[in-house]
């Protein structure tokens, strides 16, 4: 497991568009415009095998369920090289989504262009956009990490989402996410 911090994409960056295959529904593709929420949009880079993702996935699903009904669009994307990491294949992404009760798309970024467009570096990596598609948060879920004894709360991400929903100022001093590095193709 390689511990990698997320990159700090500039706040105000407009969400890069994408069009990717959903592994969580039959024969569907989604774009950013299709998953965009009325109040904002959460784009998450995750994968099936990362211990950091396994540590947070239940809280991530709770956050998605809590906020989708409040006008936040939610999508998860996996960009790992499946030739080197077959456990992240689209077929196993479908299983992972089912096992974890995803009610949001789980997209496969085979060419890794979307991860590069978002400057994603690790899994999990969180990007929150407002209703104008401008980046307002790129950071950690909370201070909990595998083995550090801090309980999951989702406090950092939840605070940012609440800021989007209730038009509050979101602190620009944001802690980067920490996780497994994205497995780039050579």
Protein backbone atom coordinates (compact mmCIF):
# COMPACT_ATOMS: atom_id res chain seq x y z
CA UNK A 1 0.00 0.00 0.00
CA UNK A 2 1.50 3.28 -1.10
CA UNK A 3 0.26 6.23 0.95
CA UNK A 4 -0.41 9.15 -1.37
CA UNK A 5 -1.85 12.60 -0.64
CA UNK A 6 -4.36 14.10 -3.03
CA UNK A 7 -3.26 16.95 -5.26
CA UNK A 8 -4.65 20.37 -4.55
CA UNK A 9 -6.64 21.32 -7.64
CA UNK A 10 -7.35 25.06 -7.63
CA UNK A 11 -10.63 26.07 -6.02
CA UNK A 12 -12.96 27.57 -8.63
CA UNK A 13 -11.84 25.09 -11.31
CA UNK A 14 -14.78 24.15 -13.53
CA UNK A 15 -15.60 20.44 -13.40
CA UNK A 16 -14.04 18.61 -16.32
CA UNK A 17 -16.70 16.88 -18.42
CA UNK A 18 -16.60 13.11 -18.90
CA UNK A 19 -18.61 10.33 -20.49
CA UNK A 20 -17.91 6.94 -18.93
CA UNK A 21 -19.44 3.47 -18.65
CA UNK A 22 -21.35 2.77 -15.45
CA UNK A 23 -20.59 -0.61 -13.92
CA UNK A 24 -23.52 -0.27 -11.52
CA UNK A 25 -26.29 -0.35 -14.16
CA UNK A 26 -26.92 -2.25 -17.35
CA UNK A 27 -25.50 -0.68 -20.49
CA UNK A 28 -25.43 2.90 -19.19
CA UNK A 29 -22.96 5.71 -19.67
CA UNK A 30 -22.93 8.91 -17.70
CA UNK A 31 -21.53 12.39 -18.19
CA UNK A 32 -20.90 15.04 -15.56
CA UNK A 33 -23.96 16.89 -16.87
CA UNK A 34 -26.12 13.78 -16.38
CA UNK A 35 -25.13 13.23 -12.74
CA UNK A 36 -24.96 16.89 -11.77
CA UNK A 37 -27.09 17.79 -8.76
CA UNK A 38 -29.35 20.81 -8.46
CA UNK A 39 -27.25 22.21 -5.59
CA UNK A 40 -23.87 20.61 -6.29
CA UNK A 41 -21.98 17.52 -7.32
CA UNK A 42 -19.61 15.16 -5.52
CA UNK A 43 -17.08 13.32 -7.70
CA UNK A 44 -15.11 10.60 -5.89
CA UNK A 45 -12.20 8.56 -7.16
CA UNK A 46 -12.20 5.15 -5.48
CA UNK A 47 -11.31 1.57 -6.32
CA UNK A 48 -12.24 -1.91 -5.14
CA UNK A 49 -9.03 -3.05 -3.46
CA UNK A 50 -7.63 -0.05 -1.55
CA UNK A 51 -7.55 -0.41 2.25
CA UNK A 52 -8.26 3.33 2.63
CA UNK A 53 -11.42 2.96 0.50
CA UNK A 54 -12.49 -0.11 2.50
CA UNK A 55 -12.00 1.91 5.69
CA UNK A 56 -14.32 4.75 4.55
CA UNK A 57 -16.80 3.13 2.16
CA UNK A 58 -19.71 2.78 4.60
CA UNK A 59 -19.48 6.46 5.56
CA UNK A 60 -19.14 7.42 1.89
CA UNK A 61 -22.36 5.56 1.08
CA UNK A 62 -24.12 7.19 4.06
CA UNK A 63 -23.02 10.63 2.85
CA UNK A 64 -24.23 9.86 -0.67
CA UNK A 65 -27.60 8.70 0.65
CA UNK A 66 -27.95 11.65 3.03
CA UNK A 67 -27.16 14.31 0.44
CA UNK A 68 -28.54 12.95 -2.85
CA UNK A 69 -32.04 13.70 -1.56
CA UNK A 70 -30.92 17.26 -0.80
CA UNK A 71 -29.86 18.03 -4.36
CA UNK A 72 -26.28 16.77 -4.48
CA UNK A 73 -25.33 14.62 -7.46
CA UNK A 74 -22.95 11.79 -6.56
CA UNK A 75 -20.64 9.67 -8.69
CA UNK A 76 -17.71 7.34 -7.99
CA UNK A 77 -15.01 6.67 -10.59
CA UNK A 78 -12.30 4.02 -10.71
CA UNK A 79 -9.29 4.80 -12.90
CA UNK A 80 -6.84 2.06 -11.92
CA UNK A 81 -4.94 0.02 -14.50
CA UNK A 82 -6.88 -3.27 -14.42
CA UNK A 83 -4.16 -5.14 -16.29
CA UNK A 84 -1.91 -4.73 -13.25
CA UNK A 85 -4.76 -4.74 -10.71
CA UNK A 86 -7.46 -7.12 -11.99
CA UNK A 87 -9.32 -6.81 -8.67
CA UNK A 88 -10.40 -3.36 -9.93
CA UNK A 89 -11.95 -4.70 -13.16
CA UNK A 90 -15.39 -3.44 -14.25
CA UNK A 91 -16.96 -6.81 -13.42
CA UNK A 92 -15.63 -6.64 -9.87
CA UNK A 93 -16.64 -2.97 -9.65
CA UNK A 94 -20.22 -4.15 -10.22
CA UNK A 95 -19.86 -6.62 -7.33
CA UNK A 96 -18.25 -3.99 -5.08
CA UNK A 97 -21.10 -1.54 -5.79
CA UNK A 98 -23.70 -4.22 -5.04
CA UNK A 99 -21.98 -5.40 -1.84
CA UNK A 100 -21.76 -1.81 -0.57
CA UNK A 101 -25.28 -0.76 -1.62
CA UNK A 102 -24.27 1.99 -4.06
CA UNK A 103 -27.29 3.94 -5.25
CA UNK A 104 -25.10 6.15 -7.43
CA UNK A 105 -23.10 5.44 -10.60
CA UNK A 106 -19.70 3.74 -10.32
CA UNK A 107 -17.89 4.63 -13.53
CA UNK A 108 -14.89 3.00 -15.16
CA UNK A 109 -12.21 5.39 -16.48
CA UNK A 110 -10.38 2.91 -18.70
CA UNK A 111 -8.21 5.51 -20.47
CA UNK A 112 -7.47 7.35 -17.19
CA UNK A 113 -8.22 10.66 -18.93
CA UNK A 114 -10.85 11.67 -16.37
CA UNK A 115 -8.50 11.09 -13.42
CA UNK A 116 -5.88 13.20 -15.18
CA UNK A 117 -8.46 15.91 -15.94
CA UNK A 118 -9.39 16.10 -12.26
CA UNK A 119 -5.74 15.81 -11.16
CA UNK A 120 -6.78 12.87 -8.99
CA UNK A 121 -3.89 11.18 -7.22
CA UNK A 122 -5.26 8.70 -4.70
CA UNK A 123 -8.20 6.60 -3.63
CA UNK A 124 -10.29 7.92 -2.09
CA UNK A 125 -10.08 11.40 -3.60
CA UNK A 126 -13.05 13.78 -3.21
CA UNK A 127 -14.05 16.74 -5.40
CA UNK A 128 -17.11 18.83 -4.55
CA UNK A 129 -18.55 21.30 -7.05
CA UNK A 130 -21.22 23.93 -6.48
CA UNK A 131 -24.31 24.44 -8.66
CA UNK A 132 -22.18 26.45 -11.10
CA UNK A 133 -19.85 23.43 -11.52
CA UNK A 134 -17.01 25.23 -9.74
CA UNK A 135 -14.75 23.36 -7.35
CA UNK A 136 -15.36 24.36 -3.73
CA UNK A 137 -13.76 21.41 -1.90
CA UNK A 138 -10.99 18.94 -2.63
CA UNK A 139 -9.87 17.16 0.44
CA UNK A 140 -10.27 14.45 2.99
CA UNK A 141 -13.39 12.76 4.29
CA UNK A 142 -12.22 13.31 7.89
CA UNK A 143 -9.17 12.60 10.08
CA UNK A 144 -9.85 8.85 10.37
CA UNK A 145 -7.34 6.51 8.71
CA UNK A 146 -6.96 2.74 8.87
CA UNK A 147 -5.50 1.90 12.26
CA UNK A 148 -5.32 5.43 13.74
CA UNK A 149 -8.25 4.87 16.15
CA UNK A 150 -10.15 8.00 15.10
CA UNK A 151 -13.79 7.12 14.39
CA UNK A 152 -15.28 7.86 10.98
CA UNK A 153 -17.56 10.89 10.88
CA UNK A 154 -17.17 12.33 7.39
CA UNK A 155 -16.96 15.71 9.13
CA UNK A 156 -14.73 17.53 6.63
CA UNK A 157 -16.69 16.45 3.57
CA UNK A 158 -20.07 16.81 5.28
CA UNK A 159 -19.15 20.35 6.37
CA UNK A 160 -18.28 21.28 2.79
CA UNK A 161 -21.48 19.74 1.40
CA UNK A 162 -23.54 21.59 4.03
CA UNK A 163 -21.79 24.77 2.90
CA UNK A 164 -22.89 24.14 -0.69
CA UNK A 165 -26.47 23.32 0.28
CA UNK A 166 -26.94 26.20 2.71
CA UNK A 167 -24.81 28.80 0.87
CA UNK A 168 -22.22 29.01 3.63
CA UNK A 169 -18.60 30.01 3.19
CA UNK A 170 -16.42 26.92 2.83
CA UNK A 171 -13.01 27.21 4.46
CA UNK A 172 -10.40 27.29 1.67
CA UNK A 173 -7.80 25.72 3.99
CA UNK A 174 -8.59 22.07 3.27
CA UNK A 175 -6.66 18.96 4.27
CA UNK A 176 -5.78 16.68 1.36
CA UNK A 177 -7.14 13.18 1.24
CA UNK A 178 -4.75 10.31 1.94
CA UNK A 179 -5.03 6.95 0.27
CA UNK A 180 -3.57 4.45 -2.15
CA UNK A 181 -2.03 5.93 -5.25
CA UNK A 182 -3.96 5.64 -8.51
CA UNK A 183 -2.44 2.76 -10.46
CA UNK A 184 -1.38 4.55 -13.65
CA UNK A 185 -0.71 2.80 -16.94
CA UNK A 186 2.88 3.08 -18.09
